[in-house]
Amino acid sequence: MVKWLSVVLGILLALLGIIWILQGVNVLGGSFMSGQPFWAAMGTVALVVGVSLVLLGKRRW
């Protein structure tokens, strides 16, 4: 059960990270996060952690 949960949470975190990156570099506008380098950096961290969770969850199978 923990294996698939890790994969699902990892995918969601990676998608959130991609959105934050796109907002941080001002590709997606309309938010207080748009054009803010901080959110691009946090998005990169979220993406790396999300991919790591996915790989960890798939490795356990």
PDB file of N, CA and C in Angstrom:
ATOM      1  N   MET A   1       0.825  -1.187   0.000  1.00  0.00           N
ATOM      2  CA  MET A   1       0.000   0.000   0.000  1.00  0.00           C
ATOM      3  C   MET A   1       0.874   1.259   0.000  1.00  0.00           C
ATOM      4  N   VAL A   2       1.941   1.256   0.751  1.00  0.00           N
ATOM      5  CA  VAL A   2       2.819   2.420   0.824  1.00  0.00           C
ATOM      6  C   VAL A   2       3.507   2.660  -0.516  1.00  0.00           C
ATOM      7  N   LYS A   3       3.726   1.600  -1.272  1.00  0.00           N
ATOM      8  CA  LYS A   3       4.424   1.726  -2.555  1.00  0.00           C
ATOM      9  C   LYS A   3       3.645   2.591  -3.531  1.00  0.00           C
ATOM     10  N   TRP A   4       2.390   2.282  -3.738  1.00  0.00           N
ATOM     11  CA  TRP A   4       1.603   3.049  -4.699  1.00  0.00           C
ATOM     12  C   TRP A   4       1.318   4.447  -4.182  1.00  0.00           C
ATOM     13  N   LEU A   5       1.214   4.598  -2.862  1.00  0.00           N
ATOM     14  CA  LEU A   5       1.004   5.922  -2.280  1.00  0.00           C
ATOM     15  C   LEU A   5       2.213   6.818  -2.549  1.00  0.00           C
ATOM     16  N   SER A   6       3.397   6.260  -2.449  1.00  0.00           N
ATOM     17  CA  SER A   6       4.621   7.004  -2.747  1.00  0.00           C
ATOM     18  C   SER A   6       4.641   7.437  -4.207  1.00  0.00           C
ATOM     19  N   VAL A   7       4.221   6.564  -5.093  1.00  0.00           N
ATOM     20  CA  VAL A   7       4.193   6.896  -6.525  1.00  0.00           C
ATOM     21  C   VAL A   7       3.164   7.988  -6.802  1.00  0.00           C
ATOM     22  N   VAL A   8       1.980   7.868  -6.239  1.00  0.00           N
ATOM     23  CA  VAL A   8       0.924   8.859  -6.475  1.00  0.00           C
ATOM     24  C   VAL A   8       1.321  10.220  -5.912  1.00  0.00           C
ATOM     25  N   LEU A   9       1.831  10.243  -4.677  1.00  0.00           N
ATOM     26  CA  LEU A   9       2.256  11.507  -4.088  1.00  0.00           C
ATOM     27  C   LEU A   9       3.427  12.109  -4.856  1.00  0.00           C
ATOM     28  N   GLY A  10       4.322  11.269  -5.328  1.00  0.00           N
ATOM     29  CA  GLY A  10       5.446  11.746  -6.117  1.00  0.00           C
ATOM     30  C   GLY A  10       5.007  12.385  -7.413  1.00  0.00           C
ATOM     31  N   ILE A  11       4.047  11.769  -8.080  1.00  0.00           N
ATOM     32  CA  ILE A  11       3.525  12.331  -9.332  1.00  0.00           C
ATOM     33  C   ILE A  11       2.847  13.673  -9.076  1.00  0.00           C
ATOM     34  N   LEU A  12       2.031  13.740  -8.034  1.00  0.00           N
ATOM     35  CA  LEU A  12       1.357  14.998  -7.709  1.00  0.00           C
ATOM     36  C   LEU A  12       2.353  16.096  -7.348  1.00  0.00           C
ATOM     37  N   LEU A  13       3.368  15.755  -6.568  1.00  0.00           N
ATOM     38  CA  LEU A  13       4.381  16.735  -6.187  1.00  0.00           C
ATOM     39  C   LEU A  13       5.193  17.188  -7.398  1.00  0.00           C
ATOM     40  N   ALA A  14       5.497  16.263  -8.301  1.00  0.00           N
ATOM     41  CA  ALA A  14       6.243  16.622  -9.513  1.00  0.00           C
ATOM     42  C   ALA A  14       5.410  17.556 -10.402  1.00  0.00           C
ATOM     43  N   LEU A  15       4.132  17.282 -10.540  1.00  0.00           N
ATOM     44  CA  LEU A  15       3.263  18.154 -11.337  1.00  0.00           C
ATOM     45  C   LEU A  15       3.148  19.537 -10.705  1.00  0.00           C
ATOM     46  N   LEU A  16       3.034  19.586  -9.393  1.00  0.00           N
ATOM     47  CA  LEU A  16       2.992  20.858  -8.695  1.00  0.00           C
ATOM     48  C   LEU A  16       4.303  21.624  -8.903  1.00  0.00           C
ATOM     49  N   GLY A  17       5.409  20.898  -8.858  1.00  0.00           N
ATOM     50  CA  GLY A  17       6.701  21.519  -9.090  1.00  0.00           C
ATOM     51  C   GLY A  17       6.816  22.110 -10.481  1.00  0.00           C
ATOM     52  N   ILE A  18       6.301  21.399 -11.479  1.00  0.00           N
ATOM     53  CA  ILE A  18       6.326  21.919 -12.855  1.00  0.00           C
ATOM     54  C   ILE A  18       5.501  23.201 -12.962  1.00  0.00           C
ATOM     55  N   ILE A  19       4.346  23.213 -12.325  1.00  0.00           N
ATOM     56  CA  ILE A  19       3.500  24.414 -12.347  1.00  0.00           C
ATOM     57  C   ILE A  19       4.218  25.577 -11.675  1.00  0.00           C
ATOM     58  N   TRP A  20       4.849  25.327 -10.533  1.00  0.00           N
ATOM     59  CA  TRP A  20       5.585  26.387  -9.831  1.00  0.00           C
ATOM     60  C   TRP A  20       6.742  26.912 -10.671  1.00  0.00           C
ATOM     61  N   ILE A  21       7.442  26.014 -11.339  1.00  0.00           N
ATOM     62  CA  ILE A  21       8.542  26.450 -12.202  1.00  0.00           C
ATOM     63  C   ILE A  21       8.015  27.355 -13.312  1.00  0.00           C
ATOM     64  N   LEU A  22       6.952  26.923 -13.967  1.00  0.00           N
ATOM     65  CA  LEU A  22       6.388  27.712 -15.063  1.00  0.00           C
ATOM     66  C   LEU A  22       5.874  29.064 -14.576  1.00  0.00           C
ATOM     67  N   GLN A  23       5.306  29.107 -13.388  1.00  0.00           N
ATOM     68  CA  GLN A  23       4.866  30.394 -12.848  1.00  0.00           C
ATOM     69  C   GLN A  23       6.061  31.251 -12.458  1.00  0.00           C
ATOM     70  N   GLY A  24       7.071  30.631 -11.886  1.00  0.00           N
ATOM     71  CA  GLY A  24       8.245  31.382 -11.452  1.00  0.00           C
ATOM     72  C   GLY A  24       9.005  32.025 -12.595  1.00  0.00           C
ATOM     73  N   VAL A  25       9.030  31.364 -13.757  1.00  0.00           N
ATOM     74  CA  VAL A  25       9.724  31.940 -14.916  1.00  0.00           C
ATOM     75  C   VAL A  25       8.764  32.732 -15.809  1.00  0.00           C
ATOM     76  N   ASN A  26       7.565  32.972 -15.303  1.00  0.00           N
ATOM     77  CA  ASN A  26       6.549  33.821 -15.943  1.00  0.00           C
ATOM     78  C   ASN A  26       6.001  33.248 -17.246  1.00  0.00           C
ATOM     79  N   VAL A  27       5.959  31.928 -17.359  1.00  0.00           N
ATOM     80  CA  VAL A  27       5.300  31.305 -18.509  1.00  0.00           C
ATOM     81  C   VAL A  27       3.800  31.219 -18.244  1.00  0.00           C
ATOM     82  N   LEU A  28       3.433  30.861 -17.014  1.00  0.00           N
ATOM     83  CA  LEU A  28       2.036  30.876 -16.588  1.00  0.00           C
ATOM     84  C   LEU A  28       1.813  32.133 -15.764  1.00  0.00           C
ATOM     85  N   GLY A  29       0.983  32.997 -16.238  1.00  0.00           N
ATOM     86  CA  GLY A  29       0.731  34.243 -15.530  1.00  0.00           C
ATOM     87  C   GLY A  29      -0.539  34.197 -14.715  1.00  0.00           C
ATOM     88  N   GLY A  30      -0.880  35.334 -14.142  1.00  0.00           N
ATOM     89  CA  GLY A  30      -2.139  35.465 -13.426  1.00  0.00           C
ATOM     90  C   GLY A  30      -2.082  35.089 -11.962  1.00  0.00           C
ATOM     91  N   SER A  31      -0.897  35.075 -11.377  1.00  0.00           N
ATOM     92  CA  SER A  31      -0.756  34.683  -9.984  1.00  0.00           C
ATOM     93  C   SER A  31       0.295  35.557  -9.324  1.00  0.00           C
ATOM     94  N   PHE A  32       0.228  35.653  -8.000  1.00  0.00           N
ATOM     95  CA  PHE A  32       1.264  36.387  -7.277  1.00  0.00           C
ATOM     96  C   PHE A  32       2.625  35.709  -7.414  1.00  0.00           C
ATOM     97  N   MET A  33       2.618  34.444  -7.842  1.00  0.00           N
ATOM     98  CA  MET A  33       3.854  33.684  -8.011  1.00  0.00           C
ATOM     99  C   MET A  33       4.512  33.947  -9.365  1.00  0.00           C
ATOM    100  N   SER A  34       3.797  34.557 -10.270  1.00  0.00           N
ATOM    101  CA  SER A  34       4.300  34.772 -11.627  1.00  0.00           C
ATOM    102  C   SER A  34       5.491  35.722 -11.638  1.00  0.00           C
ATOM    103  N   GLY A  35       6.558  35.288 -12.292  1.00  0.00           N
ATOM    104  CA  GLY A  35       7.745  36.107 -12.424  1.00  0.00           C
ATOM    105  C   GLY A  35       8.617  36.176 -11.183  1.00  0.00           C
ATOM    106  N   GLN A  36       8.364  35.316 -10.205  1.00  0.00           N
ATOM    107  CA  GLN A  36       9.138  35.324  -8.959  1.00  0.00           C
ATOM    108  C   GLN A  36      10.133  34.161  -8.970  1.00  0.00           C
ATOM    109  N   PRO A  37      11.429  34.443  -8.998  1.00  0.00           N
ATOM    110  CA  PRO A  37      12.442  33.383  -9.054  1.00  0.00           C
ATOM    111  C   PRO A  37      12.372  32.412  -7.870  1.00  0.00           C
ATOM    112  N   PHE A  38      11.874  32.887  -6.725  1.00  0.00           N
ATOM    113  CA  PHE A  38      11.738  32.015  -5.564  1.00  0.00           C
ATOM    114  C   PHE A  38      10.876  30.801  -5.891  1.00  0.00           C
ATOM    115  N   TRP A  39       9.779  31.028  -6.599  1.00  0.00           N
ATOM    116  CA  TRP A  39       8.858  29.931  -6.910  1.00  0.00           C
ATOM    117  C   TRP A  39       9.436  28.989  -7.955  1.00  0.00           C
ATOM    118  N   ALA A  40      10.268  29.505  -8.832  1.00  0.00           N
ATOM    119  CA  ALA A  40      10.959  28.633  -9.782  1.00  0.00           C
ATOM    120  C   ALA A  40      11.916  27.716  -9.033  1.00  0.00           C
ATOM    121  N   ALA A  41      12.597  28.242  -8.027  1.00  0.00           N
ATOM    122  CA  ALA A  41      13.517  27.433  -7.223  1.00  0.00           C
ATOM    123  C   ALA A  41      12.751  26.398  -6.396  1.00  0.00           C
ATOM    124  N   MET A  42      11.656  26.813  -5.767  1.00  0.00           N
ATOM    125  CA  MET A  42      10.859  25.876  -4.974  1.00  0.00           C
ATOM    126  C   MET A  42      10.230  24.808  -5.870  1.00  0.00           C
ATOM    127  N   GLY A  43       9.870  25.188  -7.071  1.00  0.00           N
ATOM    128  CA  GLY A  43       9.332  24.228  -8.024  1.00  0.00           C
ATOM    129  C   GLY A  43      10.359  23.184  -8.414  1.00  0.00           C
ATOM    130  N   THR A  44      11.597  23.609  -8.561  1.00  0.00           N
ATOM    131  CA  THR A  44      12.667  22.671  -8.881  1.00  0.00           C
ATOM    132  C   THR A  44      12.865  21.676  -7.744  1.00  0.00           C
ATOM    133  N   VAL A  45      12.839  22.175  -6.516  1.00  0.00           N
ATOM    134  CA  VAL A  45      12.965  21.290  -5.344  1.00  0.00           C
ATOM    135  C   VAL A  45      11.796  20.305  -5.298  1.00  0.00           C
ATOM    136  N   ALA A  46      10.583  20.793  -5.499  1.00  0.00           N
ATOM    137  CA  ALA A  46       9.403  19.925  -5.474  1.00  0.00           C
ATOM    138  C   ALA A  46       9.475  18.880  -6.584  1.00  0.00           C
ATOM    139  N   LEU A  47       9.942  19.279  -7.756  1.00  0.00           N
ATOM    140  CA  LEU A  47      10.060  18.342  -8.873  1.00  0.00           C
ATOM    141  C   LEU A  47      11.064  17.240  -8.561  1.00  0.00           C
ATOM    142  N   VAL A  48      12.199  17.606  -7.999  1.00  0.00           N
ATOM    143  CA  VAL A  48      13.226  16.614  -7.670  1.00  0.00           C
ATOM    144  C   VAL A  48      12.724  15.647  -6.595  1.00  0.00           C
ATOM    145  N   VAL A  49      12.074  16.183  -5.573  1.00  0.00           N
ATOM    146  CA  VAL A  49      11.539  15.318  -4.509  1.00  0.00           C
ATOM    147  C   VAL A  49      10.431  14.418  -5.063  1.00  0.00           C
ATOM    148  N   GLY A  50       9.584  14.958  -5.910  1.00  0.00           N
ATOM    149  CA  GLY A  50       8.508  14.163  -6.497  1.00  0.00           C
ATOM    150  C   GLY A  50       9.025  13.024  -7.357  1.00  0.00           C
ATOM    151  N   VAL A  51      10.002  13.313  -8.195  1.00  0.00           N
ATOM    152  CA  VAL A  51      10.589  12.259  -9.036  1.00  0.00           C
ATOM    153  C   VAL A  51      11.282  11.213  -8.169  1.00  0.00           C
ATOM    154  N   SER A  52      11.925  11.667  -7.108  1.00  0.00           N
ATOM    155  CA  SER A  52      12.584  10.729  -6.191  1.00  0.00           C
ATOM    156  C   SER A  52      11.565   9.800  -5.528  1.00  0.00           C
ATOM    157  N   LEU A  53      10.424  10.338  -5.132  1.00  0.00           N
ATOM    158  CA  LEU A  53       9.378   9.505  -4.535  1.00  0.00           C
ATOM    159  C   LEU A  53       8.850   8.479  -5.528  1.00  0.00           C
ATOM    160  N   VAL A  54       8.661   8.902  -6.765  1.00  0.00           N
ATOM    161  CA  VAL A  54       8.187   7.973  -7.791  1.00  0.00           C
ATOM    162  C   VAL A  54       9.204   6.845  -7.997  1.00  0.00           C
ATOM    163  N   LEU A  55      10.456   7.212  -8.140  1.00  0.00           N
ATOM    164  CA  LEU A  55      11.496   6.195  -8.351  1.00  0.00           C
ATOM    165  C   LEU A  55      11.630   5.263  -7.154  1.00  0.00           C
ATOM    166  N   LEU A  56      11.526   5.819  -5.959  1.00  0.00           N
ATOM    167  CA  LEU A  56      11.592   5.006  -4.751  1.00  0.00           C
ATOM    168  C   LEU A  56      10.412   4.034  -4.672  1.00  0.00           C
ATOM    169  N   GLY A  57       9.223   4.547  -4.994  1.00  0.00           N
ATOM    170  CA  GLY A  57       8.043   3.688  -4.968  1.00  0.00           C
ATOM    171  C   GLY A  57       8.085   2.602  -6.018  1.00  0.00           C
ATOM    172  N   LYS A  58       8.573   2.924  -7.199  1.00  0.00           N
ATOM    173  CA  LYS A  58       8.647   1.911  -8.266  1.00  0.00           C
ATOM    174  C   LYS A  58       9.763   0.900  -7.980  1.00  0.00           C
ATOM    175  N   ARG A  59      10.793   1.341  -7.298  1.00  0.00           N
ATOM    176  CA  ARG A  59      11.906   0.441  -6.968  1.00  0.00           C
ATOM    177  C   ARG A  59      11.476  -0.637  -5.966  1.00  0.00           C
ATOM    178  N   ARG A  60      10.555  -0.299  -5.105  1.00  0.00           N
ATOM    179  CA  ARG A  60      10.084  -1.242  -4.099  1.00  0.00           C
ATOM    180  C   ARG A  60       9.250  -2.366  -4.703  1.00  0.00           C
ATOM    181  N   TRP A  61       8.712  -2.164  -5.903  1.00  0.00           N
ATOM    182  CA  TRP A  61       7.907  -3.195  -6.546  1.00  0.00           C
ATOM    183  C   TRP A  61       8.821  -4.201  -7.101  1.00  0.00           C
TER     184      TRP A  61
END
